[in-house]
Amino acid sequence: IIVVYAEKVHRMQRIVNRDGVSEEQAGLAISAQYSLSRKASL
C-alpha cells in the first residue's frame, strides 16, 4: 500500500481549481473520506 499525502490546504486549493467548486464543497469532499493522516499510518 502506497499513500500519497498532501496537507489539507494544498488539497483544498487543488480541488477548487480542478473541479470549480467552492471551498465549502471542497471541505465536504475531504470530510467524506478517512483522514489522510490515518491512511498514511496504515
PDB file of all heavy atoms in Angstrom:
ATOM      1  N   ILE A   1       0.844  -1.197   0.000  1.00  0.00           N
ATOM      2  CA  ILE A   1       0.000   0.000   0.000  1.00  0.00           C
ATOM      3  C   ILE A   1       0.880   1.247   0.000  1.00  0.00           C
ATOM      4  O   ILE A   1       1.744   1.409   0.860  1.00  0.00           O
ATOM      5  CB  ILE A   1      -0.922   0.042   1.228  1.00  0.00           C
ATOM      6  CG1 ILE A   1      -1.878  -1.154   1.231  1.00  0.00           C
ATOM      7  CG2 ILE A   1      -1.720   1.355   1.255  1.00  0.00           C
ATOM      8  CD1 ILE A   1      -2.680  -1.291   2.515  1.00  0.00           C
ATOM      9  N   ILE A   2       0.647   2.109  -0.986  1.00  0.00           N
ATOM     10  CA  ILE A   2       1.317   3.408  -1.062  1.00  0.00           C
ATOM     11  C   ILE A   2       0.256   4.487  -0.857  1.00  0.00           C
ATOM     12  O   ILE A   2      -0.764   4.499  -1.552  1.00  0.00           O
ATOM     13  CB  ILE A   2       1.994   3.614  -2.422  1.00  0.00           C
ATOM     14  CG1 ILE A   2       3.052   2.527  -2.675  1.00  0.00           C
ATOM     15  CG2 ILE A   2       2.614   5.005  -2.514  1.00  0.00           C
ATOM     16  CD1 ILE A   2       3.550   2.501  -4.110  1.00  0.00           C
ATOM     17  N   VAL A   3       0.496   5.379   0.080  1.00  0.00           N
ATOM     18  CA  VAL A   3      -0.413   6.500   0.306  1.00  0.00           C
ATOM     19  C   VAL A   3       0.258   7.784  -0.169  1.00  0.00           C
ATOM     20  O   VAL A   3       1.406   8.064   0.195  1.00  0.00           O
ATOM     21  CB  VAL A   3      -0.817   6.621   1.790  1.00  0.00           C
ATOM     22  CG1 VAL A   3      -1.451   7.977   2.076  1.00  0.00           C
ATOM     23  CG2 VAL A   3      -1.791   5.505   2.168  1.00  0.00           C
ATOM     24  N   VAL A   4      -0.450   8.526  -0.989  1.00  0.00           N
ATOM     25  CA  VAL A   4       0.018   9.844  -1.438  1.00  0.00           C
ATOM     26  C   VAL A   4      -0.587  10.884  -0.500  1.00  0.00           C
ATOM     27  O   VAL A   4      -1.809  11.045  -0.430  1.00  0.00           O
ATOM     28  CB  VAL A   4      -0.393  10.115  -2.899  1.00  0.00           C
ATOM     29  CG1 VAL A   4       0.134  11.481  -3.337  1.00  0.00           C
ATOM     30  CG2 VAL A   4       0.136   9.013  -3.814  1.00  0.00           C
ATOM     31  N   TYR A   5       0.272  11.556   0.212  1.00  0.00           N
ATOM     32  CA  TYR A   5      -0.146  12.504   1.246  1.00  0.00           C
ATOM     33  C   TYR A   5       0.031  13.940   0.755  1.00  0.00           C
ATOM     34  O   TYR A   5       0.949  14.237  -0.015  1.00  0.00           O
ATOM     35  CB  TYR A   5       0.690  12.292   2.514  1.00  0.00           C
ATOM     36  CG  TYR A   5       0.345  13.233   3.642  1.00  0.00           C
ATOM     37  CD1 TYR A   5      -0.663  12.916   4.539  1.00  0.00           C
ATOM     38  CD2 TYR A   5       1.028  14.435   3.801  1.00  0.00           C
ATOM     39  CE1 TYR A   5      -0.996  13.780   5.575  1.00  0.00           C
ATOM     40  CE2 TYR A   5       0.706  15.307   4.834  1.00  0.00           C
ATOM     41  CZ  TYR A   5      -0.309  14.973   5.714  1.00  0.00           C
ATOM     42  OH  TYR A   5      -0.653  15.835   6.728  1.00  0.00           O
ATOM     43  N   ALA A   6      -0.844  14.815   1.199  1.00  0.00           N
ATOM     44  CA  ALA A   6      -0.661  16.254   0.988  1.00  0.00           C
ATOM     45  C   ALA A   6      -1.409  16.986   2.097  1.00  0.00           C
ATOM     46  O   ALA A   6      -2.442  16.510   2.585  1.00  0.00           O
ATOM     47  CB  ALA A   6      -1.185  16.691  -0.383  1.00  0.00           C
ATOM     48  N   GLU A   7      -0.877  18.113   2.503  1.00  0.00           N
ATOM     49  CA  GLU A   7      -1.523  18.905   3.549  1.00  0.00           C
ATOM     50  C   GLU A   7      -2.890  19.396   3.059  1.00  0.00           C
ATOM     51  O   GLU A   7      -3.094  19.635   1.868  1.00  0.00           O
ATOM     52  CB  GLU A   7      -0.650  20.097   3.933  1.00  0.00           C
ATOM     53  CG  GLU A   7       0.688  19.727   4.558  1.00  0.00           C
ATOM     54  CD  GLU A   7       0.539  19.098   5.939  1.00  0.00           C
ATOM     55  OE1 GLU A   7      -0.552  19.236   6.545  1.00  0.00           O
ATOM     56  OE2 GLU A   7       1.514  18.490   6.411  1.00  0.00           O
ATOM     57  N   LYS A   8      -3.806  19.564   3.999  1.00  0.00           N
ATOM     58  CA  LYS A   8      -5.178  19.913   3.658  1.00  0.00           C
ATOM     59  C   LYS A   8      -5.269  21.199   2.853  1.00  0.00           C
ATOM     60  O   LYS A   8      -6.073  21.297   1.912  1.00  0.00           O
ATOM     61  CB  LYS A   8      -6.030  20.030   4.931  1.00  0.00           C
ATOM     62  CG  LYS A   8      -7.509  20.277   4.648  1.00  0.00           C
ATOM     63  CD  LYS A   8      -8.329  20.287   5.926  1.00  0.00           C
ATOM     64  CE  LYS A   8      -9.796  20.546   5.625  1.00  0.00           C
ATOM     65  NZ  LYS A   8     -10.619  20.552   6.865  1.00  0.00           N
ATOM     66  N   VAL A   9      -4.454  22.177   3.174  1.00  0.00           N
ATOM     67  CA  VAL A   9      -4.523  23.454   2.466  1.00  0.00           C
ATOM     68  C   VAL A   9      -4.221  23.266   0.983  1.00  0.00           C
ATOM     69  O   VAL A   9      -4.850  23.894   0.117  1.00  0.00           O
ATOM     70  CB  VAL A   9      -3.569  24.489   3.107  1.00  0.00           C
ATOM     71  CG1 VAL A   9      -2.108  24.024   3.019  1.00  0.00           C
ATOM     72  CG2 VAL A   9      -3.740  25.848   2.472  1.00  0.00           C
ATOM     73  N   HIS A  10      -3.270  22.403   0.670  1.00  0.00           N
ATOM     74  CA  HIS A  10      -2.930  22.142  -0.726  1.00  0.00           C
ATOM     75  C   HIS A  10      -4.047  21.339  -1.408  1.00  0.00           C
ATOM     76  O   HIS A  10      -4.379  21.599  -2.571  1.00  0.00           O
ATOM     77  CB  HIS A  10      -1.619  21.373  -0.819  1.00  0.00           C
ATOM     78  CG  HIS A  10      -0.447  22.089  -0.233  1.00  0.00           C
ATOM     79  ND1 HIS A  10      -0.002  23.303  -0.701  1.00  0.00           N
ATOM     80  CD2 HIS A  10       0.375  21.769   0.797  1.00  0.00           C
ATOM     81  CE1 HIS A  10       1.035  23.702   0.001  1.00  0.00           C
ATOM     82  NE2 HIS A  10       1.284  22.790   0.922  1.00  0.00           N
ATOM     83  N   ARG A  11      -4.611  20.404  -0.698  1.00  0.00           N
ATOM     84  CA  ARG A  11      -5.705  19.596  -1.260  1.00  0.00           C
ATOM     85  C   ARG A  11      -6.913  20.468  -1.571  1.00  0.00           C
ATOM     86  O   ARG A  11      -7.536  20.331  -2.627  1.00  0.00           O
ATOM     87  CB  ARG A  11      -6.083  18.484  -0.276  1.00  0.00           C
ATOM     88  CG  ARG A  11      -4.962  17.491  -0.012  1.00  0.00           C
ATOM     89  CD  ARG A  11      -5.324  16.549   1.110  1.00  0.00           C
ATOM     90  NE  ARG A  11      -6.442  15.703   0.746  1.00  0.00           N
ATOM     91  CZ  ARG A  11      -7.186  15.026   1.613  1.00  0.00           C
ATOM     92  NH1 ARG A  11      -6.965  15.118   2.916  1.00  0.00           N
ATOM     93  NH2 ARG A  11      -8.161  14.269   1.194  1.00  0.00           N
ATOM     94  N   MET A  12      -7.246  21.355  -0.633  1.00  0.00           N
ATOM     95  CA  MET A  12      -8.384  22.249  -0.832  1.00  0.00           C
ATOM     96  C   MET A  12      -8.203  23.071  -2.099  1.00  0.00           C
ATOM     97  O   MET A  12      -9.114  23.179  -2.934  1.00  0.00           O
ATOM     98  CB  MET A  12      -8.520  23.182   0.375  1.00  0.00           C
ATOM     99  CG  MET A  12      -8.977  22.506   1.649  1.00  0.00           C
ATOM    100  SD  MET A  12     -10.780  22.358   1.771  1.00  0.00           S
ATOM    101  CE  MET A  12     -11.229  24.057   2.034  1.00  0.00           C
ATOM    102  N   GLN A  13      -7.010  23.638  -2.256  1.00  0.00           N
ATOM    103  CA  GLN A  13      -6.758  24.500  -3.411  1.00  0.00           C
ATOM    104  C   GLN A  13      -6.814  23.709  -4.708  1.00  0.00           C
ATOM    105  O   GLN A  13      -7.358  24.179  -5.718  1.00  0.00           O
ATOM    106  CB  GLN A  13      -5.393  25.175  -3.276  1.00  0.00           C
ATOM    107  CG  GLN A  13      -5.175  26.307  -4.257  1.00  0.00           C
ATOM    108  CD  GLN A  13      -6.223  27.403  -4.118  1.00  0.00           C
ATOM    109  OE1 GLN A  13      -6.423  27.928  -3.018  1.00  0.00           O
ATOM    110  NE2 GLN A  13      -6.905  27.744  -5.191  1.00  0.00           N
ATOM    111  N   ARG A  14      -6.288  22.497  -4.699  1.00  0.00           N
ATOM    112  CA  ARG A  14      -6.322  21.668  -5.897  1.00  0.00           C
ATOM    113  C   ARG A  14      -7.756  21.316  -6.294  1.00  0.00           C
ATOM    114  O   ARG A  14      -8.118  21.341  -7.471  1.00  0.00           O
ATOM    115  CB  ARG A  14      -5.521  20.383  -5.672  1.00  0.00           C
ATOM    116  CG  ARG A  14      -4.026  20.604  -5.630  1.00  0.00           C
ATOM    117  CD  ARG A  14      -3.305  19.352  -5.154  1.00  0.00           C
ATOM    118  NE  ARG A  14      -1.872  19.577  -4.988  1.00  0.00           N
ATOM    119  CZ  ARG A  14      -1.062  18.772  -4.306  1.00  0.00           C
ATOM    120  NH1 ARG A  14      -1.560  17.687  -3.729  1.00  0.00           N
ATOM    121  NH2 ARG A  14       0.223  19.039  -4.203  1.00  0.00           N
ATOM    122  N   ILE A  15      -8.573  20.982  -5.321  1.00  0.00           N
ATOM    123  CA  ILE A  15      -9.965  20.612  -5.608  1.00  0.00           C
ATOM    124  C   ILE A  15     -10.729  21.807  -6.168  1.00  0.00           C
ATOM    125  O   ILE A  15     -11.474  21.687  -7.144  1.00  0.00           O
ATOM    126  CB  ILE A  15     -10.659  20.075  -4.337  1.00  0.00           C
ATOM    127  CG1 ILE A  15      -9.985  18.790  -3.858  1.00  0.00           C
ATOM    128  CG2 ILE A  15     -12.143  19.800  -4.615  1.00  0.00           C
ATOM    129  CD1 ILE A  15     -10.397  18.371  -2.454  1.00  0.00           C
ATOM    130  N   VAL A  16     -10.546  22.959  -5.536  1.00  0.00           N
ATOM    131  CA  VAL A  16     -11.224  24.182  -6.002  1.00  0.00           C
ATOM    132  C   VAL A  16     -10.811  24.501  -7.435  1.00  0.00           C
ATOM    133  O   VAL A  16     -11.658  24.783  -8.295  1.00  0.00           O
ATOM    134  CB  VAL A  16     -10.894  25.365  -5.065  1.00  0.00           C
ATOM    135  CG1 VAL A  16     -11.350  26.677  -5.690  1.00  0.00           C
ATOM    136  CG2 VAL A  16     -11.562  25.167  -3.704  1.00  0.00           C
ATOM    137  N   ASN A  17      -9.519  24.439  -7.714  1.00  0.00           N
ATOM    138  CA  ASN A  17      -9.021  24.770  -9.058  1.00  0.00           C
ATOM    139  C   ASN A  17      -9.438  23.733 -10.096  1.00  0.00           C
ATOM    140  O   ASN A  17      -9.802  24.079 -11.222  1.00  0.00           O
ATOM    141  CB  ASN A  17      -7.498  24.890  -9.034  1.00  0.00           C
ATOM    142  CG  ASN A  17      -7.020  26.092  -8.235  1.00  0.00           C
ATOM    143  OD1 ASN A  17      -7.775  27.033  -7.998  1.00  0.00           O
ATOM    144  ND2 ASN A  17      -5.770  26.056  -7.808  1.00  0.00           N
ATOM    145  N   ARG A  18      -9.369  22.469  -9.727  1.00  0.00           N
ATOM    146  CA  ARG A  18      -9.644  21.387 -10.671  1.00  0.00           C
ATOM    147  C   ARG A  18     -11.129  21.242 -10.979  1.00  0.00           C
ATOM    148  O   ARG A  18     -11.527  21.082 -12.125  1.00  0.00           O
ATOM    149  CB  ARG A  18      -9.104  20.074 -10.093  1.00  0.00           C
ATOM    150  CG  ARG A  18      -9.274  18.865 -10.997  1.00  0.00           C
ATOM    151  CD  ARG A  18      -8.939  17.588 -10.249  1.00  0.00           C
ATOM    152  NE  ARG A  18      -9.915  17.304  -9.209  1.00  0.00           N
ATOM    153  CZ  ARG A  18      -9.689  16.503  -8.168  1.00  0.00           C
ATOM    154  NH1 ARG A  18      -8.505  15.944  -8.012  1.00  0.00           N
ATOM    155  NH2 ARG A  18     -10.637  16.274  -7.277  1.00  0.00           N
ATOM    156  N   ASP A  19     -11.945  21.303  -9.932  1.00  0.00           N
ATOM    157  CA  ASP A  19     -13.360  20.977 -10.094  1.00  0.00           C
ATOM    158  C   ASP A  19     -14.266  22.198 -10.174  1.00  0.00           C
ATOM    159  O   ASP A  19     -15.461  22.055 -10.434  1.00  0.00           O
ATOM    160  CB  ASP A  19     -13.828  20.085  -8.936  1.00  0.00           C
ATOM    161  CG  ASP A  19     -13.076  18.763  -8.891  1.00  0.00           C
ATOM    162  OD1 ASP A  19     -12.530  18.368  -9.936  1.00  0.00           O
ATOM    163  OD2 ASP A  19     -13.035  18.132  -7.822  1.00  0.00           O
ATOM    164  N   GLY A  20     -13.703  23.382  -9.932  1.00  0.00           N
ATOM    165  CA  GLY A  20     -14.523  24.582  -9.999  1.00  0.00           C
ATOM    166  C   GLY A  20     -15.586  24.655  -8.923  1.00  0.00           C
ATOM    167  O   GLY A  20     -16.689  25.157  -9.163  1.00  0.00           O
ATOM    168  N   VAL A  21     -15.267  24.149  -7.738  1.00  0.00           N
ATOM    169  CA  VAL A  21     -16.224  24.149  -6.627  1.00  0.00           C
ATOM    170  C   VAL A  21     -15.782  25.169  -5.586  1.00  0.00           C
ATOM    171  O   VAL A  21     -14.676  25.717  -5.638  1.00  0.00           O
ATOM    172  CB  VAL A  21     -16.336  22.747  -5.993  1.00  0.00           C
ATOM    173  CG1 VAL A  21     -16.839  21.742  -7.014  1.00  0.00           C
ATOM    174  CG2 VAL A  21     -15.001  22.287  -5.410  1.00  0.00           C
ATOM    175  N   SER A  22     -16.651  25.414  -4.623  1.00  0.00           N
ATOM    176  CA  SER A  22     -16.324  26.348  -3.553  1.00  0.00           C
ATOM    177  C   SER A  22     -15.424  25.662  -2.525  1.00  0.00           C
ATOM    178  O   SER A  22     -15.296  24.431  -2.505  1.00  0.00           O
ATOM    179  CB  SER A  22     -17.604  26.815  -2.861  1.00  0.00           C
ATOM    180  OG  SER A  22     -18.226  25.722  -2.189  1.00  0.00           O
ATOM    181  N   GLU A  23     -14.819  26.461  -1.660  1.00  0.00           N
ATOM    182  CA  GLU A  23     -14.006  25.892  -0.593  1.00  0.00           C
ATOM    183  C   GLU A  23     -14.861  25.041   0.343  1.00  0.00           C
ATOM    184  O   GLU A  23     -14.398  24.023   0.866  1.00  0.00           O
ATOM    185  CB  GLU A  23     -13.304  27.002   0.186  1.00  0.00           C
ATOM    186  CG  GLU A  23     -12.190  27.686  -0.592  1.00  0.00           C
ATOM    187  CD  GLU A  23     -11.365  28.608   0.269  1.00  0.00           C
ATOM    188  OE1 GLU A  23     -11.673  28.734   1.475  1.00  0.00           O
ATOM    189  OE2 GLU A  23     -10.400  29.204  -0.250  1.00  0.00           O
ATOM    190  N   GLU A  24     -16.109  25.449   0.536  1.00  0.00           N
ATOM    191  CA  GLU A  24     -17.009  24.667   1.390  1.00  0.00           C
ATOM    192  C   GLU A  24     -17.245  23.277   0.788  1.00  0.00           C
ATOM    193  O   GLU A  24     -17.207  22.266   1.496  1.00  0.00           O
ATOM    194  CB  GLU A  24     -18.349  25.384   1.553  1.00  0.00           C
ATOM    195  CG  GLU A  24     -19.338  24.625   2.430  1.00  0.00           C
ATOM    196  CD  GLU A  24     -20.668  25.333   2.554  1.00  0.00           C
ATOM    197  OE1 GLU A  24     -20.836  26.397   1.931  1.00  0.00           O
ATOM    198  OE2 GLU A  24     -21.547  24.818   3.271  1.00  0.00           O
ATOM    199  N   GLN A  25     -17.477  23.224  -0.521  1.00  0.00           N
ATOM    200  CA  GLN A  25     -17.690  21.936  -1.180  1.00  0.00           C
ATOM    201  C   GLN A  25     -16.425  21.087  -1.153  1.00  0.00           C
ATOM    202  O   GLN A  25     -16.492  19.866  -0.972  1.00  0.00           O
ATOM    203  CB  GLN A  25     -18.149  22.166  -2.619  1.00  0.00           C
ATOM    204  CG  GLN A  25     -19.565  22.705  -2.735  1.00  0.00           C
ATOM    205  CD  GLN A  25     -19.909  23.110  -4.156  1.00  0.00           C
ATOM    206  OE1 GLN A  25     -19.171  23.880  -4.793  1.00  0.00           O
ATOM    207  NE2 GLN A  25     -21.017  22.604  -4.663  1.00  0.00           N
ATOM    208  N   ALA A  26     -15.281  21.738  -1.322  1.00  0.00           N
ATOM    209  CA  ALA A  26     -14.016  21.012  -1.247  1.00  0.00           C
ATOM    210  C   ALA A  26     -13.826  20.415   0.139  1.00  0.00           C
ATOM    211  O   ALA A  26     -13.364  19.274   0.286  1.00  0.00           O
ATOM    212  CB  ALA A  26     -12.854  21.933  -1.589  1.00  0.00           C
ATOM    213  N   GLY A  27     -14.204  21.170   1.152  1.00  0.00           N
ATOM    214  CA  GLY A  27     -14.107  20.673   2.520  1.00  0.00           C
ATOM    215  C   GLY A  27     -15.010  19.486   2.765  1.00  0.00           C
ATOM    216  O   GLY A  27     -14.632  18.532   3.459  1.00  0.00           O
ATOM    217  N   LEU A  28     -16.203  19.525   2.190  1.00  0.00           N
ATOM    218  CA  LEU A  28     -17.127  18.398   2.321  1.00  0.00           C
ATOM    219  C   LEU A  28     -16.557  17.141   1.661  1.00  0.00           C
ATOM    220  O   LEU A  28     -16.688  16.038   2.182  1.00  0.00           O
ATOM    221  CB  LEU A  28     -18.483  18.741   1.694  1.00  0.00           C
ATOM    222  CG  LEU A  28     -19.381  19.692   2.468  1.00  0.00           C
ATOM    223  CD1 LEU A  28     -20.608  20.055   1.634  1.00  0.00           C
ATOM    224  CD2 LEU A  28     -19.814  19.067   3.796  1.00  0.00           C
ATOM    225  N   ALA A  29     -15.932  17.342   0.513  1.00  0.00           N
ATOM    226  CA  ALA A  29     -15.340  16.212  -0.199  1.00  0.00           C
ATOM    227  C   ALA A  29     -14.243  15.563   0.640  1.00  0.00           C
ATOM    228  O   ALA A  29     -14.152  14.331   0.729  1.00  0.00           O
ATOM    229  CB  ALA A  29     -14.776  16.667  -1.537  1.00  0.00           C
ATOM    230  N   ILE A  30     -13.418  16.383   1.266  1.00  0.00           N
ATOM    231  CA  ILE A  30     -12.343  15.855   2.112  1.00  0.00           C
ATOM    232  C   ILE A  30     -12.917  15.158   3.337  1.00  0.00           C
ATOM    233  O   ILE A  30     -12.468  14.077   3.728  1.00  0.00           O
ATOM    234  CB  ILE A  30     -11.384  16.992   2.514  1.00  0.00           C
ATOM    235  CG1 ILE A  30     -10.579  17.456   1.288  1.00  0.00           C
ATOM    236  CG2 ILE A  30     -10.445  16.538   3.629  1.00  0.00           C
ATOM    237  CD1 ILE A  30      -9.719  18.679   1.533  1.00  0.00           C
ATOM    238  N   SER A  31     -13.930  15.757   3.926  1.00  0.00           N
ATOM    239  CA  SER A  31     -14.524  15.200   5.149  1.00  0.00           C
ATOM    240  C   SER A  31     -15.239  13.873   4.908  1.00  0.00           C
ATOM    241  O   SER A  31     -15.424  13.090   5.835  1.00  0.00           O
ATOM    242  CB  SER A  31     -15.512  16.199   5.761  1.00  0.00           C
ATOM    243  OG  SER A  31     -14.851  17.389   6.135  1.00  0.00           O
ATOM    244  N   ALA A  32     -15.636  13.626   3.661  1.00  0.00           N
ATOM    245  CA  ALA A  32     -16.361  12.395   3.343  1.00  0.00           C
ATOM    246  C   ALA A  32     -15.452  11.171   3.329  1.00  0.00           C
ATOM    247  O   ALA A  32     -15.931  10.043   3.280  1.00  0.00           O
ATOM    248  CB  ALA A  32     -17.055  12.537   1.986  1.00  0.00           C
ATOM    249  N   GLN A  33     -14.143  11.381   3.379  1.00  0.00           N
ATOM    250  CA  GLN A  33     -13.183  10.287   3.349  1.00  0.00           C
ATOM    251  C   GLN A  33     -12.468  10.161   4.698  1.00  0.00           C
ATOM    252  O   GLN A  33     -12.511  11.060   5.525  1.00  0.00           O
ATOM    253  CB  GLN A  33     -12.144  10.520   2.246  1.00  0.00           C
ATOM    254  CG  GLN A  33     -12.733  10.614   0.855  1.00  0.00           C
ATOM    255  CD  GLN A  33     -11.674  10.886  -0.206  1.00  0.00           C
ATOM    256  OE1 GLN A  33     -10.509  11.091   0.092  1.00  0.00           O
ATOM    257  NE2 GLN A  33     -12.098  10.879  -1.452  1.00  0.00           N
ATOM    258  N   TYR A  34     -11.805   9.020   4.891  1.00  0.00           N
ATOM    259  CA  TYR A  34     -10.951   8.847   6.058  1.00  0.00           C
ATOM    260  C   TYR A  34      -9.887   9.946   6.063  1.00  0.00           C
ATOM    261  O   TYR A  34      -9.490  10.442   5.009  1.00  0.00           O
ATOM    262  CB  TYR A  34     -10.230   7.502   6.010  1.00  0.00           C
ATOM    263  CG  TYR A  34     -11.071   6.282   6.292  1.00  0.00           C
ATOM    264  CD1 TYR A  34     -12.448   6.350   6.424  1.00  0.00           C
ATOM    265  CD2 TYR A  34     -10.462   5.040   6.422  1.00  0.00           C
ATOM    266  CE1 TYR A  34     -13.204   5.217   6.663  1.00  0.00           C
ATOM    267  CE2 TYR A  34     -11.203   3.896   6.669  1.00  0.00           C
ATOM    268  CZ  TYR A  34     -12.578   3.989   6.784  1.00  0.00           C
ATOM    269  OH  TYR A  34     -13.315   2.862   7.024  1.00  0.00           O
ATOM    270  N   SER A  35      -9.406  10.297   7.239  1.00  0.00           N
ATOM    271  CA  SER A  35      -8.358  11.304   7.300  1.00  0.00           C
ATOM    272  C   SER A  35      -7.100  10.763   6.623  1.00  0.00           C
ATOM    273  O   SER A  35      -6.778   9.573   6.708  1.00  0.00           O
ATOM    274  CB  SER A  35      -8.044  11.677   8.748  1.00  0.00           C
ATOM    275  OG  SER A  35      -7.254  10.686   9.369  1.00  0.00           O
ATOM    276  N   LEU A  36      -6.399  11.650   5.955  1.00  0.00           N
ATOM    277  CA  LEU A  36      -5.209  11.238   5.221  1.00  0.00           C
ATOM    278  C   LEU A  36      -4.089  10.833   6.184  1.00  0.00           C
ATOM    279  O   LEU A  36      -3.279   9.953   5.867  1.00  0.00           O
ATOM    280  CB  LEU A  36      -4.751  12.370   4.303  1.00  0.00           C
ATOM    281  CG  LEU A  36      -3.893  12.013   3.092  1.00  0.00           C
ATOM    282  CD1 LEU A  36      -4.388  10.759   2.393  1.00  0.00           C
ATOM    283  CD2 LEU A  36      -3.870  13.181   2.115  1.00  0.00           C
ATOM    284  N   SER A  37      -4.052  11.428   7.347  1.00  0.00           N
ATOM    285  CA  SER A  37      -3.063  11.031   8.355  1.00  0.00           C
ATOM    286  C   SER A  37      -3.302   9.598   8.803  1.00  0.00           C
ATOM    287  O   SER A  37      -2.348   8.817   8.988  1.00  0.00           O
ATOM    288  CB  SER A  37      -3.119  11.965   9.560  1.00  0.00           C
ATOM    289  OG  SER A  37      -2.752  13.276   9.201  1.00  0.00           O
ATOM    290  N   ARG A  38      -4.567   9.249   8.950  1.00  0.00           N
ATOM    291  CA  ARG A  38      -4.906   7.875   9.334  1.00  0.00           C
ATOM    292  C   ARG A  38      -4.485   6.894   8.247  1.00  0.00           C
ATOM    293  O   ARG A  38      -3.915   5.832   8.529  1.00  0.00           O
ATOM    294  CB  ARG A  38      -6.409   7.767   9.588  1.00  0.00           C
ATOM    295  CG  ARG A  38      -6.895   6.373   9.942  1.00  0.00           C
ATOM    296  CD  ARG A  38      -8.397   6.349  10.103  1.00  0.00           C
ATOM    297  NE  ARG A  38      -8.897   5.008  10.369  1.00  0.00           N
ATOM    298  CZ  ARG A  38     -10.186   4.686  10.388  1.00  0.00           C
ATOM    299  NH1 ARG A  38     -11.098   5.626  10.172  1.00  0.00           N
ATOM    300  NH2 ARG A  38     -10.568   3.450  10.619  1.00  0.00           N
ATOM    301  N   LYS A  39      -4.737   7.243   7.008  1.00  0.00           N
ATOM    302  CA  LYS A  39      -4.343   6.373   5.898  1.00  0.00           C
ATOM    303  C   LYS A  39      -2.828   6.212   5.861  1.00  0.00           C
ATOM    304  O   LYS A  39      -2.317   5.107   5.664  1.00  0.00           O
ATOM    305  CB  LYS A  39      -4.845   6.948   4.565  1.00  0.00           C
ATOM    306  CG  LYS A  39      -6.353   6.916   4.397  1.00  0.00           C
ATOM    307  CD  LYS A  39      -6.762   7.464   3.043  1.00  0.00           C
ATOM    308  CE  LYS A  39      -8.264   7.426   2.864  1.00  0.00           C
ATOM    309  NZ  LYS A  39      -8.698   7.876   1.524  1.00  0.00           N
ATOM    310  N   ALA A  40      -2.115   7.326   6.041  1.00  0.00           N
ATOM    311  CA  ALA A  40      -0.657   7.280   5.997  1.00  0.00           C
ATOM    312  C   ALA A  40      -0.106   6.356   7.074  1.00  0.00           C
ATOM    313  O   ALA A  40       0.892   5.651   6.853  1.00  0.00           O
ATOM    314  CB  ALA A  40      -0.088   8.685   6.147  1.00  0.00           C
ATOM    315  N   SER A  41      -0.753   6.341   8.229  1.00  0.00           N
ATOM    316  CA  SER A  41      -0.267   5.495   9.330  1.00  0.00           C
ATOM    317  C   SER A  41      -0.449   4.015   9.033  1.00  0.00           C
ATOM    318  O   SER A  41       0.190   3.164   9.675  1.00  0.00           O
ATOM    319  CB  SER A  41      -1.010   5.853  10.630  1.00  0.00           C
ATOM    320  OG  SER A  41      -2.364   5.402  10.588  1.00  0.00           O
ATOM    321  N   LEU A  42      -1.284   3.676   8.061  1.00  0.00           N
ATOM    322  CA  LEU A  42      -1.577   2.278   7.719  1.00  0.00           C
ATOM    323  C   LEU A  42      -0.838   1.808   6.467  1.00  0.00           C
ATOM    324  O   LEU A  42      -0.962   0.657   6.068  1.00  0.00           O
ATOM    325  CB  LEU A  42      -3.084   2.102   7.515  1.00  0.00           C
ATOM    326  CG  LEU A  42      -3.967   2.388   8.735  1.00  0.00           C
ATOM    327  CD1 LEU A  42      -5.444   2.392   8.321  1.00  0.00           C
ATOM    328  CD2 LEU A  42      -3.731   1.370   9.839  1.00  0.00           C
TER     329      LEU A  42
END
